[in-house]
All heavy atoms as atom14 arrays in JSON, in Angstrom:
{
  "sequence": "RVFGFARYDNYTHAANSESPLFRRNSGMSFG",
  "atom14_mask": [
    [1, 1, 1, 1, 1, 1, 1, 1, 1, 1, 1, 0, 0, 0],
    [1, 1, 1, 1, 1, 1, 1, 0, 0, 0, 0, 0, 0, 0],
    [1, 1, 1, 1, 1, 1, 1, 1, 1, 1, 1, 0, 0, 0],
    [1, 1, 1, 1, 0, 0, 0, 0, 0, 0, 0, 0, 0, 0],
    [1, 1, 1, 1, 1, 1, 1, 1, 1, 1, 1, 0, 0, 0],
    [1, 1, 1, 1, 1, 0, 0, 0, 0, 0, 0, 0, 0, 0],
    [1, 1, 1, 1, 1, 1, 1, 1, 1, 1, 1, 0, 0, 0],
    [1, 1, 1, 1, 1, 1, 1, 1, 1, 1, 1, 1, 0, 0],
    [1, 1, 1, 1, 1, 1, 1, 1, 0, 0, 0, 0, 0, 0],
    [1, 1, 1, 1, 1, 1, 1, 1, 0, 0, 0, 0, 0, 0],
    [1, 1, 1, 1, 1, 1, 1, 1, 1, 1, 1, 1, 0, 0],
    [1, 1, 1, 1, 1, 1, 1, 0, 0, 0, 0, 0, 0, 0],
    [1, 1, 1, 1, 1, 1, 1, 1, 1, 1, 0, 0, 0, 0],
    [1, 1, 1, 1, 1, 0, 0, 0, 0, 0, 0, 0, 0, 0],
    [1, 1, 1, 1, 1, 0, 0, 0, 0, 0, 0, 0, 0, 0],
    [1, 1, 1, 1, 1, 1, 1, 1, 0, 0, 0, 0, 0, 0],
    [1, 1, 1, 1, 1, 1, 0, 0, 0, 0, 0, 0, 0, 0],
    [1, 1, 1, 1, 1, 1, 1, 1, 1, 0, 0, 0, 0, 0],
    [1, 1, 1, 1, 1, 1, 0, 0, 0, 0, 0, 0, 0, 0],
    [1, 1, 1, 1, 1, 1, 1, 0, 0, 0, 0, 0, 0, 0],
    [1, 1, 1, 1, 1, 1, 1, 1, 0, 0, 0, 0, 0, 0],
    [1, 1, 1, 1, 1, 1, 1, 1, 1, 1, 1, 0, 0, 0],
    [1, 1, 1, 1, 1, 1, 1, 1, 1, 1, 1, 0, 0, 0],
    [1, 1, 1, 1, 1, 1, 1, 1, 1, 1, 1, 0, 0, 0],
    [1, 1, 1, 1, 1, 1, 1, 1, 0, 0, 0, 0, 0, 0],
    [1, 1, 1, 1, 1, 1, 0, 0, 0, 0, 0, 0, 0, 0],
    [1, 1, 1, 1, 0, 0, 0, 0, 0, 0, 0, 0, 0, 0],
    [1, 1, 1, 1, 1, 1, 1, 1, 0, 0, 0, 0, 0, 0],
    [1, 1, 1, 1, 1, 1, 0, 0, 0, 0, 0, 0, 0, 0],
    [1, 1, 1, 1, 1, 1, 1, 1, 1, 1, 1, 0, 0, 0],
    [1, 1, 1, 1, 0, 0, 0, 0, 0, 0, 0, 0, 0, 0]
  ],
  "atom14_positions": [
    [[-30.72, -20.0, -13.51], [-31.16, -18.62, -13.28], [-30.13, -17.68, -13.9], [-28.93, -17.91, -13.8], [-31.29, -18.34, -11.78], [-31.76, -16.91, -11.45], [-31.93, -16.7, -9.96], [-33.11, -17.38, -9.45], [-34.32, -16.81, -9.41], [-34.5, -15.59, -9.86], [-35.33, -17.49, -8.92], [0.0, 0.0, 0.0], [0.0, 0.0, 0.0], [0.0, 0.0, 0.0]],
    [[-30.6, -16.62, -14.53], [-29.71, -15.61, -15.1], [-29.96, -14.29, -14.37], [-31.04, -14.05, -13.82], [-29.95, -15.42, -16.61], [-29.56, -16.68, -17.36], [-31.39, -15.04, -16.91], [0.0, 0.0, 0.0], [0.0, 0.0, 0.0], [0.0, 0.0, 0.0], [0.0, 0.0, 0.0], [0.0, 0.0, 0.0], [0.0, 0.0, 0.0], [0.0, 0.0, 0.0]],
    [[-28.95, -13.44, -14.34], [-29.08, -12.17, -13.63], [-28.22, -11.1, -14.27], [-27.29, -11.38, -15.04], [-28.68, -12.33, -12.16], [-27.22, -12.61, -11.94], [-26.3, -11.57, -11.81], [-26.74, -13.92, -11.89], [-24.95, -11.83, -11.61], [-25.39, -14.17, -11.68], [-24.48, -13.12, -11.56], [0.0, 0.0, 0.0], [0.0, 0.0, 0.0], [0.0, 0.0, 0.0]],
    [[-28.53, -9.87, -13.95], [-27.73, -8.73, -14.37], [-27.81, -7.65, -13.31], [-28.77, -7.6, -12.53], [0.0, 0.0, 0.0], [0.0, 0.0, 0.0], [0.0, 0.0, 0.0], [0.0, 0.0, 0.0], [0.0, 0.0, 0.0], [0.0, 0.0, 0.0], [0.0, 0.0, 0.0], [0.0, 0.0, 0.0], [0.0, 0.0, 0.0], [0.0, 0.0, 0.0]],
    [[-26.81, -6.78, -13.26], [-26.83, -5.69, -12.29], [-26.14, -4.46, -12.87], [-25.32, -4.55, -13.79], [-26.16, -6.1, -10.98], [-24.65, -6.17, -11.05], [-23.87, -5.06, -10.74], [-24.01, -7.34, -11.41], [-22.49, -5.12, -10.81], [-22.63, -7.42, -11.48], [-21.86, -6.29, -11.18], [0.0, 0.0, 0.0], [0.0, 0.0, 0.0], [0.0, 0.0, 0.0]],
    [[-26.48, -3.3, -12.32], [-25.82, -2.04, -12.65], [-25.72, -1.23, -11.36], [-26.63, -1.28, -10.52], [-26.59, -1.26, -13.71], [0.0, 0.0, 0.0], [0.0, 0.0, 0.0], [0.0, 0.0, 0.0], [0.0, 0.0, 0.0], [0.0, 0.0, 0.0], [0.0, 0.0, 0.0], [0.0, 0.0, 0.0], [0.0, 0.0, 0.0], [0.0, 0.0, 0.0]],
    [[-24.62, -0.48, -11.2], [-24.41, 0.29, -9.98], [-23.73, 1.61, -10.35], [-22.77, 1.63, -11.12], [-23.54, -0.49, -9.01], [-23.41, 0.14, -7.62], [-22.55, -0.72, -6.71], [-21.16, -0.69, -7.13], [-20.29, -1.66, -6.9], [-20.67, -2.75, -6.28], [-19.04, -1.55, -7.3], [0.0, 0.0, 0.0], [0.0, 0.0, 0.0], [0.0, 0.0, 0.0]],
    [[-24.26, 2.69, -9.78], [-23.68, 4.01, -9.98], [-23.12, 4.5, -8.65], [-23.82, 4.55, -7.64], [-24.75, 4.99, -10.49], [-24.3, 6.43, -10.5], [-23.45, 6.91, -11.5], [-24.72, 7.32, -9.51], [-23.03, 8.22, -11.52], [-24.31, 8.65, -9.52], [-23.46, 9.09, -10.53], [-23.05, 10.4, -10.55], [0.0, 0.0, 0.0], [0.0, 0.0, 0.0]],
    [[-21.82, 4.87, -8.64], [-21.16, 5.41, -7.46], [-20.81, 6.87, -7.71], [-20.24, 7.21, -8.76], [-19.88, 4.63, -7.15], [-20.15, 3.2, -6.74], [-21.23, 2.92, -6.21], [-19.27, 2.34, -6.97], [0.0, 0.0, 0.0], [0.0, 0.0, 0.0], [0.0, 0.0, 0.0], [0.0, 0.0, 0.0], [0.0, 0.0, 0.0], [0.0, 0.0, 0.0]],
    [[-21.13, 7.73, -6.75], [-20.82, 9.14, -6.85], [-19.79, 9.51, -5.78], [-19.99, 9.24, -4.6], [-22.09, 9.99, -6.7], [-21.82, 11.45, -6.96], [-21.26, 12.15, -6.13], [-22.24, 11.92, -8.13], [0.0, 0.0, 0.0], [0.0, 0.0, 0.0], [0.0, 0.0, 0.0], [0.0, 0.0, 0.0], [0.0, 0.0, 0.0], [0.0, 0.0, 0.0]],
    [[-18.67, 10.15, -6.21], [-17.58, 10.48, -5.3], [-17.46, 11.98, -5.05], [-16.48, 12.44, -4.45], [-16.25, 9.97, -5.86], [-16.3, 8.6, -6.47], [-15.99, 8.4, -7.82], [-16.65, 7.49, -5.72], [-16.03, 7.15, -8.39], [-16.68, 6.23, -6.28], [-16.38, 6.06, -7.63], [-16.42, 4.81, -8.19], [0.0, 0.0, 0.0], [0.0, 0.0, 0.0]],
    [[-18.44, 12.77, -5.52], [-18.33, 14.22, -5.48], [-18.04, 14.75, -4.08], [-17.24, 15.66, -3.9], [-19.62, 14.87, -6.02], [-19.88, 14.37, -7.34], [-19.48, 16.38, -6.07], [0.0, 0.0, 0.0], [0.0, 0.0, 0.0], [0.0, 0.0, 0.0], [0.0, 0.0, 0.0], [0.0, 0.0, 0.0], [0.0, 0.0, 0.0], [0.0, 0.0, 0.0]],
    [[-18.71, 14.17, -3.08], [-18.56, 14.65, -1.71], [-17.65, 13.75, -0.88], [-17.7, 13.8, 0.35], [-19.94, 14.77, -1.06], [-20.87, 15.67, -1.81], [-20.68, 17.03, -1.86], [-21.98, 15.41, -2.54], [-21.65, 17.59, -2.6], [-22.43, 16.62, -3.02], [0.0, 0.0, 0.0], [0.0, 0.0, 0.0], [0.0, 0.0, 0.0], [0.0, 0.0, 0.0]],
    [[-16.82, 12.97, -1.54], [-15.92, 12.08, -0.81], [-14.91, 12.88, 0.01], [-14.45, 13.95, -0.4], [-15.19, 11.16, -1.79], [0.0, 0.0, 0.0], [0.0, 0.0, 0.0], [0.0, 0.0, 0.0], [0.0, 0.0, 0.0], [0.0, 0.0, 0.0], [0.0, 0.0, 0.0], [0.0, 0.0, 0.0], [0.0, 0.0, 0.0], [0.0, 0.0, 0.0]],
    [[-14.55, 12.36, 1.15], [-13.66, 13.06, 2.07], [-12.27, 13.28, 1.48], [-11.58, 14.24, 1.85], [-13.55, 12.28, 3.38], [0.0, 0.0, 0.0], [0.0, 0.0, 0.0], [0.0, 0.0, 0.0], [0.0, 0.0, 0.0], [0.0, 0.0, 0.0], [0.0, 0.0, 0.0], [0.0, 0.0, 0.0], [0.0, 0.0, 0.0], [0.0, 0.0, 0.0]],
    [[-11.85, 12.41, 0.55], [-10.5, 12.5, 0.0], [-10.5, 12.76, -1.51], [-9.62, 12.29, -2.23], [-9.73, 11.21, 0.32], [-9.48, 11.05, 1.81], [-8.59, 11.67, 2.38], [-10.3, 10.23, 2.45], [0.0, 0.0, 0.0], [0.0, 0.0, 0.0], [0.0, 0.0, 0.0], [0.0, 0.0, 0.0], [0.0, 0.0, 0.0], [0.0, 0.0, 0.0]],
    [[-11.48, 13.54, -1.96], [-11.57, 13.83, -3.39], [-10.41, 14.68, -3.89], [-10.21, 14.81, -5.1], [-12.9, 14.52, -3.7], [-13.01, 15.73, -2.97], [0.0, 0.0, 0.0], [0.0, 0.0, 0.0], [0.0, 0.0, 0.0], [0.0, 0.0, 0.0], [0.0, 0.0, 0.0], [0.0, 0.0, 0.0], [0.0, 0.0, 0.0], [0.0, 0.0, 0.0]],
    [[-9.62, 15.28, -2.98], [-8.46, 16.08, -3.38], [-7.21, 15.21, -3.6], [-6.17, 15.72, -4.03], [-8.15, 17.14, -2.32], [-9.27, 18.15, -2.11], [-9.6, 18.91, -3.39], [-8.64, 19.3, -4.09], [-10.79, 19.09, -3.68], [0.0, 0.0, 0.0], [0.0, 0.0, 0.0], [0.0, 0.0, 0.0], [0.0, 0.0, 0.0], [0.0, 0.0, 0.0]],
    [[-7.3, 13.91, -3.32], [-6.16, 13.04, -3.55], [-5.81, 13.01, -5.03], [-6.7, 12.96, -5.9], [-6.48, 11.62, -3.06], [-5.5, 10.71, -3.52], [0.0, 0.0, 0.0], [0.0, 0.0, 0.0], [0.0, 0.0, 0.0], [0.0, 0.0, 0.0], [0.0, 0.0, 0.0], [0.0, 0.0, 0.0], [0.0, 0.0, 0.0], [0.0, 0.0, 0.0]],
    [[-4.5, 13.02, -5.38], [-4.13, 12.91, -6.8], [-4.51, 11.56, -7.41], [-4.48, 11.42, -8.63], [-2.6, 13.09, -6.77], [-2.19, 12.74, -5.38], [-3.34, 13.15, -4.5], [0.0, 0.0, 0.0], [0.0, 0.0, 0.0], [0.0, 0.0, 0.0], [0.0, 0.0, 0.0], [0.0, 0.0, 0.0], [0.0, 0.0, 0.0], [0.0, 0.0, 0.0]],
    [[-4.89, 10.6, -6.58], [-5.34, 9.3, -7.11], [-6.81, 9.34, -7.51], [-7.29, 8.41, -8.15], [-5.1, 8.21, -6.07], [-3.65, 8.04, -5.62], [-3.53, 6.95, -4.57], [-2.74, 7.75, -6.8], [0.0, 0.0, 0.0], [0.0, 0.0, 0.0], [0.0, 0.0, 0.0], [0.0, 0.0, 0.0], [0.0, 0.0, 0.0], [0.0, 0.0, 0.0]],
    [[-7.52, 10.4, -7.11], [-8.91, 10.58, -7.54], [-8.91, 11.15, -8.95], [-8.42, 12.26, -9.18], [-9.63, 11.54, -6.6], [-10.7, 10.89, -5.77], [-10.48, 10.63, -4.43], [-11.91, 10.54, -6.32], [-11.46, 10.02, -3.65], [-12.89, 9.95, -5.56], [-12.67, 9.68, -4.22], [0.0, 0.0, 0.0], [0.0, 0.0, 0.0], [0.0, 0.0, 0.0]],
    [[-9.48, 10.44, -9.91], [-9.49, 10.88, -11.29], [-10.91, 11.05, -11.85], [-11.08, 11.65, -12.9], [-8.72, 9.89, -12.16], [-7.24, 9.73, -11.76], [-6.49, 11.03, -11.93], [-5.08, 10.92, -11.56], [-4.11, 10.61, -12.42], [-4.39, 10.34, -13.69], [-2.85, 10.55, -12.01], [0.0, 0.0, 0.0], [0.0, 0.0, 0.0], [0.0, 0.0, 0.0]],
    [[-11.91, 10.51, -11.15], [-13.29, 10.6, -11.63], [-14.2, 10.98, -10.48], [-13.95, 10.61, -9.32], [-13.77, 9.26, -12.19], [-12.95, 8.73, -13.36], [-13.4, 9.33, -14.66], [-12.72, 8.72, -15.8], [-12.87, 9.1, -17.06], [-13.72, 10.08, -17.33], [-12.21, 8.51, -18.02], [0.0, 0.0, 0.0], [0.0, 0.0, 0.0], [0.0, 0.0, 0.0]],
    [[-15.28, 11.72, -10.78], [-16.27, 12.07, -9.77], [-17.38, 11.04, -9.66], [-18.24, 11.13, -8.78], [-16.89, 13.44, -10.06], [-15.91, 14.58, -9.78], [-15.09, 14.48, -8.87], [-15.99, 15.63, -10.57], [0.0, 0.0, 0.0], [0.0, 0.0, 0.0], [0.0, 0.0, 0.0], [0.0, 0.0, 0.0], [0.0, 0.0, 0.0], [0.0, 0.0, 0.0]],
    [[-17.39, 10.06, -10.56], [-18.41, 9.01, -10.52], [-17.9, 7.79, -11.24], [-16.92, 7.86, -11.99], [-19.74, 9.49, -11.15], [-19.54, 9.8, -12.53], [0.0, 0.0, 0.0], [0.0, 0.0, 0.0], [0.0, 0.0, 0.0], [0.0, 0.0, 0.0], [0.0, 0.0, 0.0], [0.0, 0.0, 0.0], [0.0, 0.0, 0.0], [0.0, 0.0, 0.0]],
    [[-18.56, 6.68, -11.01], [-18.17, 5.44, -11.68], [-19.35, 4.52, -11.84], [-20.27, 4.5, -11.01], [0.0, 0.0, 0.0], [0.0, 0.0, 0.0], [0.0, 0.0, 0.0], [0.0, 0.0, 0.0], [0.0, 0.0, 0.0], [0.0, 0.0, 0.0], [0.0, 0.0, 0.0], [0.0, 0.0, 0.0], [0.0, 0.0, 0.0], [0.0, 0.0, 0.0]],
    [[-19.34, 3.74, -12.91], [-20.4, 2.77, -13.2], [-19.83, 1.36, -13.16], [-18.72, 1.12, -13.65], [-21.03, 3.02, -14.56], [-21.98, 4.19, -14.63], [-23.53, 3.91, -13.74], [-24.18, 2.45, -14.57], [0.0, 0.0, 0.0], [0.0, 0.0, 0.0], [0.0, 0.0, 0.0], [0.0, 0.0, 0.0], [0.0, 0.0, 0.0], [0.0, 0.0, 0.0]],
    [[-20.59, 0.45, -12.58], [-20.26, -0.97, -12.6], [-21.46, -1.72, -13.17], [-22.6, -1.34, -12.92], [-19.96, -1.49, -11.19], [-18.9, -0.78, -10.59], [0.0, 0.0, 0.0], [0.0, 0.0, 0.0], [0.0, 0.0, 0.0], [0.0, 0.0, 0.0], [0.0, 0.0, 0.0], [0.0, 0.0, 0.0], [0.0, 0.0, 0.0], [0.0, 0.0, 0.0]],
    [[-21.19, -2.77, -13.92], [-22.28, -3.57, -14.46], [-21.77, -4.98, -14.75], [-20.57, -5.21, -14.92], [-22.87, -2.93, -15.73], [-21.85, -2.5, -16.74], [-21.36, -3.38, -17.68], [-21.36, -1.21, -16.73], [-20.42, -2.99, -18.61], [-20.41, -0.8, -17.66], [-19.94, -1.69, -18.61], [0.0, 0.0, 0.0], [0.0, 0.0, 0.0], [0.0, 0.0, 0.0]],
    [[-22.71, -5.91, -14.79], [-22.33, -7.29, -15.05], [-23.52, -8.17, -15.33], [-24.68, -7.78, -15.1], [0.0, 0.0, 0.0], [0.0, 0.0, 0.0], [0.0, 0.0, 0.0], [0.0, 0.0, 0.0], [0.0, 0.0, 0.0], [0.0, 0.0, 0.0], [0.0, 0.0, 0.0], [0.0, 0.0, 0.0], [0.0, 0.0, 0.0], [0.0, 0.0, 0.0]]
  ]
}
């Protein structure tokens, strides 16, 4: 069996978006 996936994460309303470690408002994962 073969498979693939994609995932979009949005951090715009994250509770700690003011952290200096936050560098992106969104992220994509795929495999």
